[in-house]
Every structure is written in structure tokens, then in C-alpha cells.
Amino acid sequence: MKDTISDLFGKALGIGCAILVATMALAASPAAAASDKSHSHEAHKSDDIYRGYFEDSQIEARTLADWEGDWQSVYPYLQDRSLDPVLAHKAESDEKTIEEYRAYYQTGYKTDVERIVIDGDTFTFYREGNATSAQYASDGHEVLTYKKGNRGVRYIFRKTGGDAAAPMFVQFSDHAIAPVKAGHYHIYSGDDRAALLKEVTNWPTYYPSSLTADGIVQEMLAH
């Protein structure tokens, strides 16, 4: 006897339920659970590294390719109050007021280098539109331990040629400890390698020049 429409509907419904049950069983399988756990573990480990908690064995060498690009200082945006939403957000969950944060970042972001272009091994520093260029090569890295107990890695590059006015050393800090393209960075520059390693209050900060003030605010709020 031919199936009625009701019979066909019932069979289709049964097949659909079977597929749904199989899918749920697969999602709940040990392999799926292990995958979720692995992703959670990796995310937690990445967050720990960003906050400065990591093992020496996790540190890897990096090249200038990680910081290559056209970068702008965020200091002017602090001065014109474009970064006020970031300061307000920080003040909501901390004991500092907006003005106290403004003073903190005034010291931290202060620089007269409004733009840096990194192309291969060549840095071009812009001060009031005037360019100074030099070439740099890796000079290793140093691990710093801060007062809170967390740590940071400074990736150091030494000048190998170029304009005399360009700094002898540049040191990058961007919360990463292995090769990865930087989304922003803090840079320390000068002629005394050891003295730069002791500098922890002034950390000129740079974001891609393609970002608007609002774009930088959104990036900062995301972290």
C-alpha cells in the first residue's frame, strides 16, 4: 500500500530527529569536549602572556617584520581629549579618577616623534614633519620583572647605519613574546641600551597610521 502524506511526514520527522540526536551526541563526544577545552586553554594562556605571566621557555626571537608598517603616536589624541572614553572606562573599574589616569598617560605617552615608518630594516622617525632614517639589526631581547610580579620582554635592535641623529637603540614591547604581527606597540629609543631597560614610566605608544582617533579608542577599549 502506498504511504499516505501523514506516513511520509512521520518518516521525515523521524529522520530529522535522528539527525539532530546524532549531531548533539557528536557535540557532546569526548573529542568535541577536548577541542573546546583546548581552545579555552589556549585563550587563557594568551591572556596570561598579555598580562605578563609566562615561562622563559615560551619566549621566542622576533624580527622587524612583526612591527613593519606606518605608525602614528597616540600622544596627540591624549592631548586633544580624543582618548577620554578610554580614561573614563578605566576609571569605572579602578580607584584612579579620569584626571589621575590622564596624568599617568601624559607621562607614559609623551614623545616628540609623531610618526614612525618601518620598512624592512629601515626606520624613519618623523618630528614635526622632519624625517630621520637609519637601519637596525637585532640585538637580542631582555626580560624585565615589574613591581607587581608580572614580566615583559623587550625586543632590542641596534643601529647599523644611517643618520647620526637617529637613536642607537630601539626597544619594542607589545605584550607578545613570540613572532606575531603587532597591532600596536610601546617603543623605547636612545643611545644607552642599559638605561633604556630601566625606563618604565615613559613608553611612547604607536598604532597604525590608517586608524582614526575613534578607531584607536575602539582598539584600546577592546583590551
N, C-alpha and C. Protein backbone atom coordinates (compact mmCIF):
# COMPACT_ATOMS: atom_id res chain seq x y z
N MET A 1 0.85 -1.19 0.00
CA MET A 1 0.00 0.00 0.00
C MET A 1 0.89 1.25 0.00
N LYS A 2 0.49 2.19 -0.79
CA LYS A 2 1.29 3.42 -0.86
C LYS A 2 1.20 4.19 0.46
N ASP A 3 2.32 4.85 0.80
CA ASP A 3 2.32 5.66 2.02
C ASP A 3 1.42 6.85 1.86
N THR A 4 0.71 7.18 2.91
CA THR A 4 -0.12 8.39 2.90
C THR A 4 0.77 9.59 3.19
N ILE A 5 0.24 10.79 2.97
CA ILE A 5 1.01 12.01 3.27
C ILE A 5 1.39 12.05 4.73
N SER A 6 0.47 11.56 5.58
CA SER A 6 0.74 11.53 7.02
C SER A 6 1.89 10.61 7.34
N ASP A 7 1.91 9.41 6.64
CA ASP A 7 3.01 8.48 6.88
C ASP A 7 4.34 9.07 6.46
N LEU A 8 4.36 9.70 5.28
CA LEU A 8 5.61 10.29 4.78
C LEU A 8 6.12 11.39 5.72
N PHE A 9 5.21 12.20 6.22
CA PHE A 9 5.58 13.28 7.15
C PHE A 9 6.18 12.69 8.43
N GLY A 10 5.58 11.60 8.90
CA GLY A 10 6.09 10.97 10.12
C GLY A 10 7.47 10.41 9.93
N LYS A 11 7.72 9.80 8.74
CA LYS A 11 9.05 9.26 8.47
C LYS A 11 10.09 10.38 8.40
N ALA A 12 9.72 11.46 7.72
CA ALA A 12 10.64 12.60 7.60
C ALA A 12 10.96 13.19 8.96
N LEU A 13 9.94 13.28 9.80
CA LEU A 13 10.15 13.82 11.14
C LEU A 13 11.07 12.91 11.94
N GLY A 14 10.90 11.63 11.76
CA GLY A 14 11.75 10.69 12.49
C GLY A 14 13.19 10.78 12.06
N ILE A 15 13.41 10.90 10.74
CA ILE A 15 14.77 11.03 10.23
C ILE A 15 15.42 12.31 10.76
N GLY A 16 14.63 13.40 10.76
CA GLY A 16 15.14 14.68 11.25
C GLY A 16 15.55 14.60 12.70
N CYS A 17 14.74 13.93 13.52
CA CYS A 17 15.06 13.78 14.94
C CYS A 17 16.32 12.96 15.12
N ALA A 18 16.46 11.90 14.28
CA ALA A 18 17.65 11.05 14.38
C ALA A 18 18.91 11.85 14.08
N ILE A 19 18.83 12.71 13.03
CA ILE A 19 20.00 13.53 12.68
C ILE A 19 20.33 14.50 13.80
N LEU A 20 19.30 15.11 14.40
CA LEU A 20 19.52 16.06 15.49
C LEU A 20 20.17 15.39 16.68
N VAL A 21 19.70 14.18 17.03
CA VAL A 21 20.27 13.44 18.16
C VAL A 21 21.72 13.09 17.89
N ALA A 22 22.01 12.66 16.63
CA ALA A 22 23.38 12.30 16.28
C ALA A 22 24.31 13.50 16.37
N THR A 23 23.80 14.64 15.91
CA THR A 23 24.60 15.88 15.97
C THR A 23 24.89 16.28 17.40
N MET A 24 23.86 16.18 18.27
CA MET A 24 24.06 16.52 19.67
C MET A 24 25.04 15.57 20.33
N ALA A 25 24.96 14.30 19.95
CA ALA A 25 25.86 13.30 20.54
C ALA A 25 27.30 13.59 20.13
N LEU A 26 27.48 14.00 18.85
CA LEU A 26 28.81 14.31 18.36
C LEU A 26 29.39 15.51 19.10
N ALA A 27 28.53 16.53 19.31
CA ALA A 27 28.99 17.73 20.01
C ALA A 27 29.39 17.42 21.44
N ALA A 28 28.70 16.42 22.02
CA ALA A 28 28.98 16.07 23.41
C ALA A 28 30.04 14.99 23.53
N SER A 29 30.61 14.56 22.40
CA SER A 29 31.59 13.49 22.42
C SER A 29 32.87 13.95 23.09
N PRO A 30 33.70 13.02 23.56
CA PRO A 30 34.97 13.39 24.20
C PRO A 30 35.85 14.22 23.29
N ALA A 31 35.84 13.92 21.95
CA ALA A 31 36.69 14.66 21.03
C ALA A 31 36.26 16.12 20.95
N ALA A 32 34.93 16.36 20.88
CA ALA A 32 34.43 17.73 20.82
C ALA A 32 34.72 18.46 22.11
N ALA A 33 34.51 17.76 23.22
CA ALA A 33 34.76 18.38 24.53
C ALA A 33 36.24 18.72 24.67
N ALA A 34 37.10 17.82 24.17
CA ALA A 34 38.54 18.07 24.26
C ALA A 34 38.92 19.27 23.42
N SER A 35 38.28 19.41 22.23
CA SER A 35 38.55 20.55 21.36
C SER A 35 38.17 21.86 22.04
N ASP A 36 36.98 21.89 22.66
CA ASP A 36 36.53 23.08 23.37
C ASP A 36 37.48 23.43 24.51
N LYS A 37 37.90 22.40 25.22
CA LYS A 37 38.81 22.61 26.36
C LYS A 37 40.15 23.15 25.88
N SER A 38 40.62 22.64 24.71
CA SER A 38 41.89 23.09 24.16
C SER A 38 41.82 24.55 23.77
N HIS A 39 40.69 24.95 23.12
CA HIS A 39 40.54 26.34 22.73
C HIS A 39 40.49 27.25 23.95
N SER A 40 39.80 26.81 25.00
CA SER A 40 39.70 27.58 26.22
C SER A 40 41.07 27.74 26.87
N HIS A 41 41.84 26.65 26.86
CA HIS A 41 43.17 26.68 27.46
C HIS A 41 44.09 27.64 26.71
N GLU A 42 44.03 27.61 25.36
CA GLU A 42 44.87 28.49 24.55
C GLU A 42 44.51 29.95 24.78
N ALA A 43 43.22 30.24 24.88
CA ALA A 43 42.77 31.61 25.12
C ALA A 43 43.26 32.10 26.48
N HIS A 44 43.18 31.22 27.48
CA HIS A 44 43.64 31.58 28.83
C HIS A 44 45.14 31.83 28.83
N LYS A 45 45.89 30.96 28.12
CA LYS A 45 47.34 31.10 28.07
C LYS A 45 47.72 32.41 27.38
N SER A 46 47.01 32.75 26.30
CA SER A 46 47.28 34.00 25.58
C SER A 46 47.01 35.21 26.47
N ASP A 47 45.93 35.14 27.27
CA ASP A 47 45.60 36.24 28.18
C ASP A 47 46.66 36.37 29.26
N ASP A 48 47.16 35.26 29.77
CA ASP A 48 48.22 35.29 30.77
C ASP A 48 49.47 35.98 30.22
N ILE A 49 49.83 35.64 28.98
CA ILE A 49 51.02 36.24 28.37
C ILE A 49 50.84 37.74 28.21
N TYR A 50 49.64 38.16 27.77
CA TYR A 50 49.37 39.58 27.60
C TYR A 50 49.53 40.34 28.91
N ARG A 51 49.14 39.68 30.03
CA ARG A 51 49.23 40.32 31.33
C ARG A 51 50.62 40.18 31.96
N GLY A 52 51.51 39.43 31.28
CA GLY A 52 52.89 39.34 31.75
C GLY A 52 53.22 38.12 32.59
N TYR A 53 52.45 37.06 32.42
CA TYR A 53 52.72 35.82 33.16
C TYR A 53 53.01 34.70 32.17
N PHE A 54 54.28 34.29 32.12
CA PHE A 54 54.70 33.29 31.15
C PHE A 54 56.00 32.65 31.62
N GLU A 55 56.38 31.55 30.97
CA GLU A 55 57.61 30.85 31.28
C GLU A 55 58.70 31.29 30.30
N ASP A 56 59.95 31.23 30.73
CA ASP A 56 61.06 31.59 29.85
C ASP A 56 61.05 30.74 28.58
N SER A 57 60.62 29.49 28.72
CA SER A 57 60.62 28.57 27.58
C SER A 57 59.65 28.99 26.49
N GLN A 58 58.71 29.87 26.82
CA GLN A 58 57.73 30.33 25.83
C GLN A 58 58.25 31.49 24.97
N ILE A 59 59.35 32.11 25.39
CA ILE A 59 59.88 33.28 24.68
C ILE A 59 60.59 32.84 23.40
N GLU A 60 60.33 33.55 22.31
CA GLU A 60 60.96 33.26 21.03
C GLU A 60 61.52 34.54 20.42
N ALA A 61 62.52 34.37 19.58
CA ALA A 61 63.11 35.52 18.88
C ALA A 61 62.09 36.09 17.88
N ARG A 62 62.21 37.38 17.61
CA ARG A 62 61.32 38.04 16.66
C ARG A 62 62.12 38.92 15.71
N THR A 63 61.55 39.18 14.54
CA THR A 63 62.20 40.04 13.55
C THR A 63 61.41 41.33 13.39
N LEU A 64 62.00 42.28 12.69
CA LEU A 64 61.34 43.57 12.47
C LEU A 64 60.07 43.45 11.64
N ALA A 65 59.88 42.31 11.00
CA ALA A 65 58.66 42.10 10.21
C ALA A 65 57.42 42.23 11.10
N ASP A 66 57.55 41.91 12.39
CA ASP A 66 56.41 41.99 13.31
C ASP A 66 55.93 43.43 13.52
N TRP A 67 56.82 44.39 13.29
CA TRP A 67 56.47 45.79 13.54
C TRP A 67 56.51 46.64 12.26
N GLU A 68 56.68 46.00 11.13
CA GLU A 68 56.77 46.73 9.87
C GLU A 68 55.46 47.47 9.58
N GLY A 69 55.57 48.67 9.04
CA GLY A 69 54.37 49.43 8.71
C GLY A 69 54.53 50.91 8.99
N ASP A 70 53.42 51.62 8.88
CA ASP A 70 53.36 53.07 9.09
C ASP A 70 52.56 53.30 10.38
N TRP A 71 53.21 53.93 11.37
CA TRP A 71 52.63 54.01 12.71
C TRP A 71 52.51 55.46 13.19
N GLN A 72 51.48 55.75 13.95
CA GLN A 72 51.26 57.09 14.50
C GLN A 72 51.27 57.04 16.03
N SER A 73 51.80 58.10 16.61
CA SER A 73 51.78 58.23 18.07
C SER A 73 50.36 58.51 18.55
N VAL A 74 50.01 57.98 19.72
CA VAL A 74 48.69 58.26 20.29
C VAL A 74 48.74 59.49 21.22
N TYR A 75 49.93 60.03 21.44
CA TYR A 75 50.07 61.16 22.35
C TYR A 75 49.21 62.36 21.95
N PRO A 76 49.15 62.74 20.67
CA PRO A 76 48.29 63.87 20.29
C PRO A 76 46.82 63.63 20.63
N TYR A 77 46.37 62.38 20.58
CA TYR A 77 44.97 62.07 20.88
C TYR A 77 44.68 62.17 22.38
N LEU A 78 45.70 61.95 23.19
CA LEU A 78 45.53 62.18 24.63
C LEU A 78 45.40 63.67 24.89
N GLN A 79 46.22 64.46 24.20
CA GLN A 79 46.22 65.91 24.41
C GLN A 79 44.93 66.57 23.95
N ASP A 80 44.35 66.08 22.84
CA ASP A 80 43.12 66.72 22.36
C ASP A 80 41.86 66.06 22.94
N ARG A 81 42.05 65.16 23.91
CA ARG A 81 40.98 64.50 24.66
C ARG A 81 40.19 63.47 23.84
N SER A 82 40.72 63.07 22.70
CA SER A 82 40.06 62.02 21.93
C SER A 82 40.02 60.70 22.71
N LEU A 83 40.99 60.51 23.61
CA LEU A 83 41.07 59.26 24.37
C LEU A 83 40.28 59.29 25.68
N ASP A 84 39.51 60.35 25.90
CA ASP A 84 38.73 60.45 27.14
C ASP A 84 37.81 59.25 27.39
N PRO A 85 37.17 58.68 26.34
CA PRO A 85 36.33 57.50 26.60
C PRO A 85 37.12 56.33 27.18
N VAL A 86 38.38 56.21 26.79
CA VAL A 86 39.23 55.15 27.34
C VAL A 86 39.54 55.42 28.81
N LEU A 87 39.88 56.66 29.13
CA LEU A 87 40.17 57.03 30.51
C LEU A 87 38.94 56.84 31.39
N ALA A 88 37.77 57.21 30.87
CA ALA A 88 36.52 57.05 31.62
C ALA A 88 36.23 55.58 31.90
N HIS A 89 36.47 54.74 30.90
CA HIS A 89 36.24 53.30 31.05
C HIS A 89 37.16 52.72 32.12
N LYS A 90 38.42 53.13 32.12
CA LYS A 90 39.37 52.64 33.12
C LYS A 90 38.97 53.12 34.52
N ALA A 91 38.52 54.37 34.61
CA ALA A 91 38.15 54.94 35.91
C ALA A 91 36.93 54.25 36.51
N GLU A 92 36.08 53.66 35.67
CA GLU A 92 34.88 52.98 36.16
C GLU A 92 35.21 51.76 37.00
N SER A 93 36.33 51.13 36.73
CA SER A 93 36.67 49.88 37.41
C SER A 93 37.98 49.97 38.19
N ASP A 94 38.36 51.17 38.58
CA ASP A 94 39.61 51.34 39.31
C ASP A 94 39.46 52.47 40.33
N GLU A 95 40.49 52.62 41.14
CA GLU A 95 40.45 53.65 42.18
C GLU A 95 40.92 55.01 41.65
N LYS A 96 41.55 55.04 40.48
CA LYS A 96 42.02 56.30 39.90
C LYS A 96 40.86 57.06 39.26
N THR A 97 40.94 58.38 39.29
CA THR A 97 39.98 59.22 38.60
C THR A 97 40.43 59.41 37.15
N ILE A 98 39.56 59.98 36.33
CA ILE A 98 39.92 60.25 34.95
C ILE A 98 41.15 61.16 34.88
N GLU A 99 41.19 62.18 35.72
CA GLU A 99 42.32 63.11 35.69
C GLU A 99 43.61 62.44 36.15
N GLU A 100 43.51 61.52 37.09
CA GLU A 100 44.70 60.78 37.52
C GLU A 100 45.21 59.89 36.40
N TYR A 101 44.29 59.28 35.67
CA TYR A 101 44.69 58.48 34.51
C TYR A 101 45.31 59.37 33.43
N ARG A 102 44.73 60.56 33.25
CA ARG A 102 45.26 61.48 32.24
C ARG A 102 46.73 61.83 32.56
N ALA A 103 47.02 62.08 33.82
CA ALA A 103 48.38 62.40 34.23
C ALA A 103 49.32 61.21 34.03
N TYR A 104 48.81 60.00 34.33
CA TYR A 104 49.59 58.77 34.16
C TYR A 104 49.97 58.58 32.69
N TYR A 105 48.99 58.74 31.81
CA TYR A 105 49.27 58.55 30.38
C TYR A 105 50.00 59.74 29.76
N GLN A 106 49.88 60.90 30.37
CA GLN A 106 50.66 62.05 29.92
C GLN A 106 52.15 61.73 30.01
N THR A 107 52.53 61.12 31.11
CA THR A 107 53.92 60.70 31.29
C THR A 107 54.26 59.53 30.38
N GLY A 108 53.34 58.56 30.30
CA GLY A 108 53.61 57.36 29.53
C GLY A 108 53.71 57.59 28.03
N TYR A 109 52.76 58.33 27.46
CA TYR A 109 52.68 58.51 26.02
C TYR A 109 53.58 59.61 25.46
N LYS A 110 54.10 60.47 26.33
CA LYS A 110 54.79 61.67 25.86
C LYS A 110 55.94 61.35 24.91
N THR A 111 55.95 62.04 23.75
CA THR A 111 57.01 61.88 22.76
C THR A 111 56.94 63.03 21.76
N ASP A 112 58.07 63.32 21.12
CA ASP A 112 58.07 64.31 20.05
C ASP A 112 58.15 63.63 18.68
N VAL A 113 58.08 62.31 18.66
CA VAL A 113 58.08 61.55 17.40
C VAL A 113 56.64 61.19 17.08
N GLU A 114 56.05 61.93 16.13
CA GLU A 114 54.63 61.74 15.87
C GLU A 114 54.34 60.56 14.94
N ARG A 115 55.37 60.10 14.24
CA ARG A 115 55.15 59.01 13.26
C ARG A 115 56.43 58.21 13.08
N ILE A 116 56.28 56.90 12.90
CA ILE A 116 57.41 56.02 12.62
C ILE A 116 57.02 55.10 11.46
N VAL A 117 57.88 55.03 10.46
CA VAL A 117 57.67 54.10 9.35
C VAL A 117 58.79 53.07 9.39
N ILE A 118 58.42 51.81 9.41
CA ILE A 118 59.39 50.71 9.44
C ILE A 118 59.22 49.91 8.15
N ASP A 119 60.29 49.89 7.36
CA ASP A 119 60.27 49.20 6.07
C ASP A 119 61.52 48.33 5.98
N GLY A 120 61.33 47.01 6.11
CA GLY A 120 62.49 46.13 6.15
C GLY A 120 63.30 46.41 7.41
N ASP A 121 64.58 46.77 7.25
CA ASP A 121 65.41 47.09 8.42
C ASP A 121 65.55 48.60 8.63
N THR A 122 64.79 49.39 7.86
CA THR A 122 64.92 50.85 7.93
C THR A 122 63.79 51.50 8.72
N PHE A 123 64.18 52.32 9.68
CA PHE A 123 63.24 53.12 10.46
C PHE A 123 63.32 54.56 9.96
N THR A 124 62.15 55.19 9.81
CA THR A 124 62.11 56.63 9.55
C THR A 124 61.28 57.28 10.64
N PHE A 125 61.92 58.15 11.40
CA PHE A 125 61.27 58.84 12.51
C PHE A 125 60.88 60.24 12.06
N TYR A 126 59.66 60.67 12.37
CA TYR A 126 59.18 61.99 11.98
C TYR A 126 58.94 62.85 13.21
N ARG A 127 59.65 64.01 13.24
CA ARG A 127 59.44 65.01 14.28
C ARG A 127 59.04 66.31 13.60
N GLU A 128 57.82 66.74 13.86
CA GLU A 128 57.29 67.95 13.22
C GLU A 128 57.47 67.89 11.71
N GLY A 129 57.26 66.71 11.15
CA GLY A 129 57.34 66.53 9.71
C GLY A 129 58.73 66.29 9.16
N ASN A 130 59.77 66.46 9.99
CA ASN A 130 61.15 66.25 9.55
C ASN A 130 61.57 64.80 9.77
N ALA A 131 62.13 64.18 8.73
CA ALA A 131 62.45 62.75 8.78
C ALA A 131 63.91 62.48 9.13
N THR A 132 64.10 61.45 9.94
CA THR A 132 65.43 60.93 10.26
C THR A 132 65.37 59.43 10.05
N SER A 133 66.33 58.87 9.29
CA SER A 133 66.28 57.45 8.96
C SER A 133 67.57 56.73 9.35
N ALA A 134 67.41 55.43 9.66
CA ALA A 134 68.57 54.59 9.98
C ALA A 134 68.17 53.13 9.83
N GLN A 135 69.21 52.29 9.73
CA GLN A 135 68.99 50.86 9.62
C GLN A 135 69.32 50.19 10.96
N TYR A 136 68.59 49.11 11.24
CA TYR A 136 68.75 48.42 12.53
C TYR A 136 68.81 46.91 12.35
N ALA A 137 69.52 46.26 13.28
CA ALA A 137 69.61 44.80 13.30
C ALA A 137 69.34 44.30 14.71
N SER A 138 68.90 43.07 14.82
CA SER A 138 68.55 42.52 16.13
C SER A 138 69.73 42.53 17.10
N ASP A 139 69.45 42.91 18.33
CA ASP A 139 70.45 42.88 19.40
C ASP A 139 69.92 42.05 20.57
N GLY A 140 69.07 41.07 20.23
CA GLY A 140 68.55 40.16 21.24
C GLY A 140 67.31 40.68 21.95
N HIS A 141 67.06 40.11 23.11
CA HIS A 141 65.92 40.56 23.93
C HIS A 141 66.28 40.46 25.40
N GLU A 142 65.53 41.18 26.21
CA GLU A 142 65.73 41.15 27.66
C GLU A 142 64.37 40.96 28.34
N VAL A 143 64.38 40.23 29.43
CA VAL A 143 63.15 40.00 30.21
C VAL A 143 63.18 40.89 31.44
N LEU A 144 62.14 41.69 31.62
CA LEU A 144 62.04 42.59 32.76
C LEU A 144 60.98 42.09 33.73
N THR A 145 61.25 42.23 35.02
CA THR A 145 60.27 41.88 36.05
C THR A 145 59.80 43.17 36.71
N TYR A 146 58.48 43.37 36.75
CA TYR A 146 57.91 44.61 37.27
C TYR A 146 57.52 44.46 38.74
N LYS A 147 57.14 45.58 39.34
CA LYS A 147 56.81 45.59 40.77
C LYS A 147 55.68 44.64 41.13
N LYS A 148 54.69 44.50 40.25
CA LYS A 148 53.54 43.63 40.53
C LYS A 148 53.88 42.15 40.46
N GLY A 149 55.08 41.84 39.93
CA GLY A 149 55.47 40.44 39.81
C GLY A 149 55.31 39.90 38.40
N ASN A 150 54.60 40.64 37.55
CA ASN A 150 54.49 40.21 36.16
C ASN A 150 55.75 40.62 35.39
N ARG A 151 55.86 40.15 34.16
CA ARG A 151 57.09 40.39 33.41
C ARG A 151 56.78 40.88 32.00
N GLY A 152 57.80 41.37 31.34
CA GLY A 152 57.67 41.81 29.96
C GLY A 152 58.96 41.51 29.22
N VAL A 153 58.86 41.41 27.90
CA VAL A 153 60.03 41.15 27.07
C VAL A 153 60.30 42.37 26.19
N ARG A 154 61.50 42.87 26.24
CA ARG A 154 61.92 43.96 25.35
C ARG A 154 62.71 43.34 24.19
N TYR A 155 62.24 43.56 22.98
CA TYR A 155 62.97 43.13 21.79
C TYR A 155 63.80 44.31 21.31
N ILE A 156 65.12 44.11 21.22
CA ILE A 156 66.07 45.21 21.05
C ILE A 156 66.74 45.16 19.67
N PHE A 157 66.87 46.35 19.07
CA PHE A 157 67.52 46.47 17.77
C PHE A 157 68.54 47.60 17.84
N ARG A 158 69.72 47.33 17.25
CA ARG A 158 70.84 48.27 17.30
C ARG A 158 71.07 48.91 15.93
N LYS A 159 71.36 50.18 15.92
CA LYS A 159 71.60 50.89 14.66
C LYS A 159 72.86 50.36 13.97
N THR A 160 72.74 50.11 12.66
CA THR A 160 73.89 49.64 11.88
C THR A 160 74.32 50.65 10.83
N GLY A 161 73.53 51.70 10.63
CA GLY A 161 73.88 52.72 9.66
C GLY A 161 72.76 53.74 9.55
N GLY A 162 73.04 54.86 8.88
CA GLY A 162 72.01 55.86 8.70
C GLY A 162 72.34 57.19 9.35
N ASP A 163 71.34 58.00 9.57
CA ASP A 163 71.53 59.34 10.10
C ASP A 163 72.07 59.32 11.53
N ALA A 164 73.01 60.22 11.79
CA ALA A 164 73.61 60.30 13.13
C ALA A 164 72.57 60.67 14.18
N ALA A 165 71.54 61.41 13.79
CA ALA A 165 70.53 61.85 14.75
C ALA A 165 69.58 60.74 15.17
N ALA A 166 69.56 59.65 14.43
CA ALA A 166 68.68 58.53 14.79
C ALA A 166 69.23 57.83 16.02
N PRO A 167 68.36 57.30 16.89
CA PRO A 167 68.83 56.65 18.12
C PRO A 167 69.66 55.41 17.84
N MET A 168 70.59 55.12 18.74
CA MET A 168 71.45 53.95 18.58
C MET A 168 70.67 52.65 18.83
N PHE A 169 69.69 52.73 19.75
CA PHE A 169 68.91 51.54 20.08
C PHE A 169 67.41 51.84 20.04
N VAL A 170 66.64 50.84 19.62
CA VAL A 170 65.19 50.88 19.80
C VAL A 170 64.79 49.57 20.47
N GLN A 171 63.86 49.67 21.41
CA GLN A 171 63.38 48.50 22.13
C GLN A 171 61.87 48.46 22.04
N PHE A 172 61.34 47.32 21.59
CA PHE A 172 59.90 47.15 21.45
C PHE A 172 59.32 46.37 22.62
N SER A 173 58.13 46.76 23.04
CA SER A 173 57.34 46.00 24.00
C SER A 173 55.89 46.05 23.51
N ASP A 174 55.29 44.88 23.27
CA ASP A 174 53.91 44.88 22.75
C ASP A 174 53.07 43.75 23.35
N HIS A 175 53.47 43.27 24.53
CA HIS A 175 52.73 42.25 25.26
C HIS A 175 52.83 40.87 24.62
N ALA A 176 53.66 40.73 23.59
CA ALA A 176 53.85 39.43 22.94
C ALA A 176 55.27 38.94 23.21
N ILE A 177 55.45 37.61 23.17
CA ILE A 177 56.76 37.04 23.47
C ILE A 177 57.21 36.05 22.40
N ALA A 178 56.53 36.08 21.26
CA ALA A 178 56.85 35.19 20.14
C ALA A 178 56.41 35.89 18.86
N PRO A 179 56.88 35.42 17.70
CA PRO A 179 56.53 36.09 16.44
C PRO A 179 55.03 36.25 16.23
N VAL A 180 54.60 37.50 16.02
CA VAL A 180 53.21 37.83 15.72
C VAL A 180 53.18 39.27 15.21
N LYS A 181 52.30 39.56 14.28
CA LYS A 181 52.19 40.92 13.77
C LYS A 181 51.59 41.82 14.84
N ALA A 182 52.29 42.89 15.18
CA ALA A 182 51.84 43.79 16.24
C ALA A 182 50.65 44.62 15.80
N GLY A 183 49.68 44.80 16.72
CA GLY A 183 48.55 45.68 16.46
C GLY A 183 48.84 47.08 16.99
N HIS A 184 49.73 47.14 17.96
CA HIS A 184 50.24 48.41 18.49
C HIS A 184 51.52 48.06 19.25
N TYR A 185 52.28 49.04 19.66
CA TYR A 185 53.48 48.75 20.43
C TYR A 185 53.90 49.96 21.24
N HIS A 186 54.72 49.68 22.26
CA HIS A 186 55.42 50.71 23.03
C HIS A 186 56.88 50.64 22.58
N ILE A 187 57.51 51.79 22.44
CA ILE A 187 58.89 51.80 21.97
C ILE A 187 59.74 52.69 22.86
N TYR A 188 60.95 52.23 23.10
CA TYR A 188 61.92 52.97 23.91
C TYR A 188 63.13 53.19 23.01
N SER A 189 63.58 54.42 22.87
CA SER A 189 64.69 54.70 21.95
C SER A 189 65.69 55.64 22.60
N GLY A 190 66.97 55.40 22.28
CA GLY A 190 68.03 56.23 22.83
C GLY A 190 69.38 55.61 22.53
N ASP A 191 70.42 56.17 23.11
CA ASP A 191 71.79 55.71 22.81
C ASP A 191 72.39 54.82 23.89
N ASP A 192 71.69 54.64 25.00
CA ASP A 192 72.20 53.84 26.11
C ASP A 192 71.29 52.62 26.32
N ARG A 193 71.74 51.47 25.91
CA ARG A 193 70.94 50.24 25.97
C ARG A 193 70.47 49.94 27.38
N ALA A 194 71.40 49.98 28.33
CA ALA A 194 71.09 49.63 29.71
C ALA A 194 70.12 50.63 30.34
N ALA A 195 70.32 51.91 30.07
CA ALA A 195 69.44 52.94 30.64
C ALA A 195 68.01 52.77 30.13
N LEU A 196 67.86 52.41 28.86
CA LEU A 196 66.52 52.22 28.30
C LEU A 196 65.78 51.08 29.00
N LEU A 197 66.51 50.06 29.41
CA LEU A 197 65.88 48.93 30.09
C LEU A 197 65.34 49.31 31.47
N LYS A 198 65.86 50.40 32.02
CA LYS A 198 65.38 50.86 33.32
C LYS A 198 64.19 51.80 33.21
N GLU A 199 63.89 52.24 31.98
CA GLU A 199 62.79 53.16 31.75
C GLU A 199 61.46 52.39 31.74
N VAL A 200 60.62 52.70 32.72
CA VAL A 200 59.33 52.00 32.81
C VAL A 200 58.15 52.97 33.00
N THR A 201 58.43 54.27 32.95
CA THR A 201 57.34 55.24 33.13
C THR A 201 56.98 55.98 31.84
N ASN A 202 57.91 56.05 30.91
CA ASN A 202 57.64 56.70 29.62
C ASN A 202 57.73 55.65 28.52
N TRP A 203 56.59 55.35 27.91
CA TRP A 203 56.52 54.28 26.90
C TRP A 203 55.69 54.77 25.71
N PRO A 204 56.29 55.63 24.87
CA PRO A 204 55.59 56.13 23.68
C PRO A 204 54.90 54.99 22.93
N THR A 205 53.65 55.20 22.59
CA THR A 205 52.79 54.14 22.07
C THR A 205 52.29 54.48 20.68
N TYR A 206 52.33 53.47 19.80
CA TYR A 206 52.01 53.69 18.40
C TYR A 206 50.98 52.69 17.89
N TYR A 207 50.05 53.22 17.10
CA TYR A 207 49.02 52.43 16.42
C TYR A 207 49.14 52.68 14.92
N PRO A 208 48.58 51.81 14.08
CA PRO A 208 48.67 52.03 12.63
C PRO A 208 48.17 53.42 12.22
N SER A 209 48.90 54.06 11.31
CA SER A 209 48.53 55.40 10.86
C SER A 209 47.19 55.41 10.12
N SER A 210 46.74 54.25 9.68
CA SER A 210 45.47 54.17 8.96
C SER A 210 44.27 54.33 9.88
N LEU A 211 44.47 54.20 11.19
CA LEU A 211 43.36 54.29 12.14
C LEU A 211 43.02 55.75 12.46
N THR A 212 41.73 56.03 12.58
CA THR A 212 41.27 57.34 13.05
C THR A 212 41.35 57.34 14.58
N ALA A 213 41.09 58.49 15.18
CA ALA A 213 41.06 58.59 16.64
C ALA A 213 40.02 57.63 17.20
N ASP A 214 38.84 57.58 16.58
CA ASP A 214 37.79 56.69 17.06
C ASP A 214 38.21 55.23 16.92
N GLY A 215 38.91 54.91 15.84
CA GLY A 215 39.38 53.55 15.65
C GLY A 215 40.36 53.14 16.73
N ILE A 216 41.23 54.05 17.14
CA ILE A 216 42.19 53.76 18.21
C ILE A 216 41.45 53.57 19.53
N VAL A 217 40.46 54.41 19.79
CA VAL A 217 39.66 54.27 21.01
C VAL A 217 39.02 52.88 21.07
N GLN A 218 38.45 52.44 19.96
CA GLN A 218 37.80 51.14 19.93
C GLN A 218 38.82 50.01 20.17
N GLU A 219 40.00 50.15 19.60
CA GLU A 219 41.04 49.15 19.81
C GLU A 219 41.45 49.11 21.28
N MET A 220 41.61 50.26 21.89
CA MET A 220 42.01 50.32 23.30
C MET A 220 40.93 49.73 24.21
N LEU A 221 39.68 50.05 23.93
CA LEU A 221 38.58 49.53 24.76
C LEU A 221 38.48 48.02 24.66
N ALA A 222 38.89 47.47 23.52
CA ALA A 222 38.82 46.02 23.32
C ALA A 222 39.83 45.28 24.18
N HIS A 223 40.83 46.02 24.69
CA HIS A 223 41.85 45.39 25.54
C HIS A 223 41.73 45.85 26.97
